[in-house]
Every structure is written in C-alpha cells, then in structure tokens.
Amino acid sequence: MLTINEIFYSIQGESTYAGRPCVFVRLTACDLRCSWCDTPYAFYEGRKQSLDEVLAEVERADCPLVEVTGGEPLLQEDVYPLMQSLVDRGKTVLLETGGHRSTARVPEPVVTILDVKCPGSGEAHRNDWSNLERLRPHDEVKFVVKDRADYEFARDVIARFRLTERATAVHLSPVHGVLDPRELSGWVLADRLPARVQLQLHKYIWGTDARGV
C-alpha cells in the first residue's frame, strides 16, 4: 500500500522536462523541514491506495510522462514497485527526492532529480553525499538557493563532485519570492557557472498557493 497525498495532471514546472504535460504522484510524509518548503500539506495529508489503484489513476490521464514526488517519496517502501511498474508500462518516470535518502534502489531507467539541500534550507547537514557519486548520465541535480551563501555552497558542490560531468543537467532555483532571479542569474553569469537558472514555471502559470497543478 502507498499513502498518496494527491495525483494530478498538469504542466511540469521544473527540470529539463519543464513545460511538458505530466502526471504527478505526490506521496505523503517527509522527514525534512526545509525553511522554504512549498508543500507542507504533504507532510501528513493522504489516503491509502493499492499499487493497482495508483496505476489505474495514472493511466486515466493518458500521459507518457510521470513524476513521483512528495513529501519524500523514498520514505515509502512501495515506491520502488510503483516506479518499476510505471517503467514497465512505457512511461518516462521522474523521481524528485530530497537527497538525504539513498537512491541506490531506484530503477535504472528512472530519471532521478536530486535536490541537494543548501544551508538556507536548514537541512544541509542531512545530505547523503554518496547519492552524488551514484548519479547516472540521465539524472539531474537541483539546488534551491535562498541567498548568496547558498549560491556559493552550490557552486562549490558542483565543482567538488564534478556534477556537470555526472548528470545531464544541474539546476539552480531561486526561492520563489525571496531571491530575485535576476540576482541569481548575475552570479551565474559572473562565475560562468555551467548550470541552469531554473524558475518554477507552475508558480508563474497558476500562482504560488495553487494545489493540484
């Protein structure tokens, strides 16, 4: 059984898949409390569903792209058969994970989007650095950046772990409404950093408080 917060069909707002129609499967529960978290409702709200029920709901959307997210999806043991079942059905599967739980068991075809926590999140001490060593060429890395200190942290991690060689993309995402994207862009340009400035597209389309989009 899985505890599901919500399943919805929308426009992908982040990653190299941004702008594409996508089915989101949001799992309940997270053991992090990031200062900038925009989905605290996923900490506790949810309903029990069987794997078959979840797969049937996903299939009704008739969409080839599926993201498994949370909360922290890797807290639930049945997330692994869920991801494998989606892959077996021919879906392109994205996994968004906080970076503090091991990704060792994530099925090979799944695109892991690893969210490395910066100091401004209050959870940087929880990063599992071994996850960066096991990145596959199709995986992606995300840093949510709150201020200059977060940017410098991300810049140093990118260099130390050679992330642009390990992953298909490295994203720097300003905390919405906190860090001006122009300021972050200026830092990236000044350092000629080989990373992408990423805005959360869904927040510009539907607003910051909308759910199920």
Protein backbone atom coordinates (compact mmCIF):
# COMPACT_ATOMS: atom_id res chain seq x y z
CA MET A 1 0.00 0.00 0.00
CA LEU A 2 1.00 3.57 -0.64
CA THR A 3 -0.06 6.72 1.19
CA ILE A 4 -0.91 9.20 -1.55
CA ASN A 5 -1.30 12.91 -0.99
CA GLU A 6 -2.55 13.69 -4.49
CA ILE A 7 -2.39 12.56 -8.10
CA PHE A 8 -2.91 15.21 -10.75
CA TYR A 9 -2.27 16.05 -14.39
CA SER A 10 -0.52 19.34 -15.08
CA ILE A 11 2.38 21.10 -16.75
CA GLN A 12 5.81 20.07 -15.50
CA GLY A 13 7.25 23.17 -13.85
CA GLU A 14 10.88 22.16 -13.29
CA SER A 15 13.81 20.13 -14.66
CA THR A 16 14.71 19.70 -18.33
CA TYR A 17 11.15 18.41 -18.79
CA ALA A 18 9.63 21.80 -17.86
CA GLY A 19 6.67 22.79 -19.97
CA ARG A 20 5.61 19.24 -20.81
CA PRO A 21 2.31 17.68 -19.72
CA CYS A 22 2.96 15.37 -16.78
CA VAL A 23 1.11 13.23 -14.24
CA PHE A 24 2.28 13.90 -10.70
CA VAL A 25 2.06 11.25 -8.00
CA ARG A 26 2.69 13.01 -4.69
CA LEU A 27 3.39 10.69 -1.77
CA THR A 28 2.66 11.65 1.82
CA ALA A 29 5.31 12.19 4.53
CA CYS A 30 8.67 13.92 4.73
CA ASP A 31 11.34 13.75 7.40
CA LEU A 32 12.84 17.12 6.41
CA ARG A 33 11.53 20.56 7.34
CA CYS A 34 13.13 22.89 4.82
CA SER A 35 12.63 26.57 5.61
CA TRP A 36 11.30 27.29 2.13
CA CYS A 37 9.11 24.17 1.70
CA ASP A 38 6.10 24.88 -0.52
CA THR A 39 4.25 21.59 0.06
CA PRO A 40 3.90 21.24 3.85
CA TYR A 41 0.43 19.80 3.30
CA ALA A 42 2.18 16.65 2.06
CA PHE A 43 3.71 16.02 5.50
CA TYR A 44 0.55 14.39 6.84
CA GLU A 45 -2.39 14.56 4.43
CA GLY A 46 -3.02 11.43 2.39
CA ARG A 47 -5.06 8.33 1.70
CA LYS A 48 -4.09 4.68 1.45
CA GLN A 49 -4.15 3.27 -2.06
CA SER A 50 -3.02 0.00 -3.52
CA LEU A 51 -0.41 -0.09 -6.25
CA ASP A 52 -3.07 -1.11 -8.77
CA GLU A 53 -5.30 1.81 -7.75
CA VAL A 54 -2.47 4.29 -8.20
CA LEU A 55 -1.50 2.85 -11.58
CA ALA A 56 -5.11 2.95 -12.77
CA GLU A 57 -5.43 6.62 -11.77
CA VAL A 58 -2.20 7.46 -13.58
CA GLU A 59 -3.31 5.62 -16.71
CA ARG A 60 -6.56 7.59 -16.85
CA ALA A 61 -4.54 10.72 -17.61
CA ASP A 62 -3.14 9.05 -20.75
CA CYS A 63 0.20 10.84 -20.43
CA PRO A 64 3.66 9.36 -21.15
CA LEU A 65 5.48 11.46 -18.52
CA VAL A 66 5.04 10.74 -14.78
CA GLU A 67 6.76 12.33 -11.80
CA VAL A 68 6.89 10.62 -8.40
CA THR A 69 7.34 13.28 -5.75
CA GLY A 70 6.42 14.22 -2.19
CA GLY A 71 6.96 14.85 0.59
CA GLU A 72 9.89 12.49 0.37
CA PRO A 73 8.83 9.56 -1.84
CA LEU A 74 11.72 7.29 -0.83
CA LEU A 75 10.29 7.01 2.69
CA GLN A 76 7.68 4.56 1.40
CA GLU A 77 8.87 1.05 0.57
CA ASP A 78 6.23 0.53 -2.12
CA VAL A 79 7.57 3.44 -4.14
CA TYR A 80 10.05 1.04 -5.73
CA PRO A 81 7.46 -1.31 -7.26
CA LEU A 82 5.46 1.79 -8.24
CA MET A 83 8.38 3.23 -10.21
CA GLN A 84 9.20 -0.12 -11.79
CA SER A 85 5.57 -0.68 -12.77
CA LEU A 86 5.41 2.74 -14.42
CA VAL A 87 8.62 1.99 -16.33
CA ASP A 88 7.22 -1.38 -17.40
CA ARG A 89 4.18 0.43 -18.82
CA GLY A 90 6.43 2.51 -21.04
CA LYS A 91 6.27 5.72 -19.01
CA THR A 92 9.11 8.18 -18.72
CA VAL A 93 9.45 8.35 -14.95
CA LEU A 94 10.92 11.22 -12.95
CA LEU A 95 11.72 10.92 -9.26
CA GLU A 96 12.14 14.07 -7.20
CA THR A 97 13.94 13.28 -3.96
CA GLY A 98 15.43 15.41 -1.20
CA GLY A 99 18.89 13.90 -1.42
CA HIS A 100 19.07 12.58 2.14
CA ARG A 101 17.71 9.08 1.40
CA SER A 102 19.79 6.59 -0.57
CA THR A 103 18.95 6.36 -4.27
CA ALA A 104 20.73 3.01 -4.63
CA ARG A 105 17.49 1.08 -5.28
CA VAL A 106 15.94 3.48 -7.79
CA PRO A 107 15.28 1.55 -11.03
CA GLU A 108 17.87 2.27 -13.69
CA PRO A 109 15.57 3.92 -16.29
CA VAL A 110 14.08 6.38 -13.78
CA VAL A 111 15.35 9.96 -14.03
CA THR A 112 16.37 10.94 -10.51
CA ILE A 113 16.12 14.67 -9.82
CA LEU A 114 18.29 15.04 -6.75
CA ASP A 115 17.53 18.08 -4.62
CA VAL A 116 20.77 18.87 -2.76
CA LYS A 117 19.95 20.91 0.33
CA CYS A 118 21.75 24.24 0.77
CA PRO A 119 22.40 25.82 4.19
CA GLY A 120 19.43 28.20 3.85
CA SER A 121 17.08 25.21 3.91
CA GLY A 122 18.18 24.35 7.47
CA GLU A 123 18.72 20.75 6.33
CA ALA A 124 22.11 20.78 4.59
CA HIS A 125 23.54 18.52 7.29
CA ARG A 126 21.17 15.77 6.12
CA ASN A 127 22.57 15.45 2.58
CA ASP A 128 23.65 11.92 1.68
CA TRP A 129 26.72 12.74 -0.37
CA SER A 130 27.00 9.19 -1.66
CA ASN A 131 23.97 9.92 -3.83
CA LEU A 132 26.10 12.29 -5.89
CA GLU A 133 28.59 9.51 -6.52
CA ARG A 134 25.87 7.24 -7.91
CA LEU A 135 24.31 9.76 -10.31
CA ARG A 136 23.67 8.33 -13.76
CA PRO A 137 24.13 10.29 -17.02
CA HIS A 138 20.36 10.85 -17.41
CA ASP A 139 19.86 12.11 -13.84
CA GLU A 140 19.54 15.77 -12.84
CA VAL A 141 20.59 17.80 -9.78
CA LYS A 142 18.75 20.75 -8.24
CA PHE A 143 19.84 23.34 -5.69
CA VAL A 144 17.19 25.64 -4.19
CA VAL A 145 19.04 28.87 -3.49
CA LYS A 146 17.92 31.33 -0.83
CA ASP A 147 20.85 33.77 -0.74
CA ARG A 148 24.48 34.32 -1.70
CA ALA A 149 25.72 31.80 0.87
CA ASP A 150 23.50 29.12 -0.69
CA TYR A 151 24.80 30.01 -4.14
CA GLU A 152 28.41 29.68 -3.06
CA PHE A 153 27.63 26.36 -1.37
CA ALA A 154 26.02 25.07 -4.58
CA ARG A 155 28.88 26.37 -6.73
CA ASP A 156 31.40 24.54 -4.54
CA VAL A 157 29.44 21.27 -4.54
CA ILE A 158 29.10 21.41 -8.33
CA ALA A 159 32.88 21.71 -8.67
CA ARG A 160 33.84 19.24 -5.92
CA PHE A 161 31.64 16.43 -7.24
CA ARG A 162 32.06 17.33 -10.96
CA LEU A 163 28.29 17.34 -11.26
CA THR A 164 28.17 18.63 -14.82
CA GLU A 165 30.10 15.51 -15.83
CA ARG A 166 27.92 13.14 -13.81
CA ALA A 167 24.41 14.42 -14.61
CA THR A 168 22.59 15.63 -17.69
CA ALA A 169 21.69 18.94 -16.03
CA VAL A 170 22.38 20.98 -12.89
CA HIS A 171 19.71 23.49 -11.89
CA LEU A 172 19.84 26.49 -9.56
CA SER A 173 16.36 27.52 -8.46
CA PRO A 174 15.83 30.76 -6.51
CA VAL A 175 13.45 30.50 -3.55
CA HIS A 176 10.28 31.97 -5.04
CA GLY A 177 9.53 35.41 -3.67
CA VAL A 178 12.75 35.51 -1.63
CA LEU A 179 15.71 35.65 -4.03
CA ASP A 180 15.36 37.78 -7.17
CA PRO A 181 16.06 35.56 -10.21
CA ARG A 182 18.00 38.47 -11.75
CA GLU A 183 20.42 38.43 -8.84
CA LEU A 184 20.98 34.68 -9.10
CA SER A 185 21.42 34.99 -12.86
CA GLY A 186 24.05 37.67 -12.33
CA TRP A 187 26.06 35.41 -10.04
CA VAL A 188 25.88 32.53 -12.52
CA LEU A 189 26.98 34.77 -15.39
CA ALA A 190 29.82 36.33 -13.40
CA ASP A 191 31.21 32.92 -12.48
CA ARG A 192 30.45 31.38 -15.89
CA LEU A 193 28.91 28.56 -13.89
CA PRO A 194 27.88 25.57 -16.08
CA ALA A 195 24.42 25.36 -14.55
CA ARG A 196 20.88 26.34 -15.46
CA VAL A 197 18.88 29.03 -13.69
CA GLN A 198 15.51 27.40 -13.14
CA LEU A 199 12.23 29.14 -12.33
CA GLN A 200 9.23 27.19 -11.07
CA LEU A 201 7.06 27.50 -14.16
CA HIS A 202 3.88 26.29 -12.46
CA LYS A 203 4.01 29.16 -9.95
CA TYR A 204 4.08 31.70 -12.77
CA ILE A 205 1.16 29.99 -14.52
CA TRP A 206 -1.16 29.27 -11.59
CA GLY A 207 0.24 31.28 -8.68
CA THR A 208 2.11 30.35 -5.54
CA ASP A 209 -0.74 28.87 -3.49
CA ALA A 210 -2.48 26.69 -6.07
CA ARG A 211 -2.65 22.96 -5.34
CA GLY A 212 -3.16 20.09 -7.73
CA VAL A 213 -1.44 21.95 -10.56
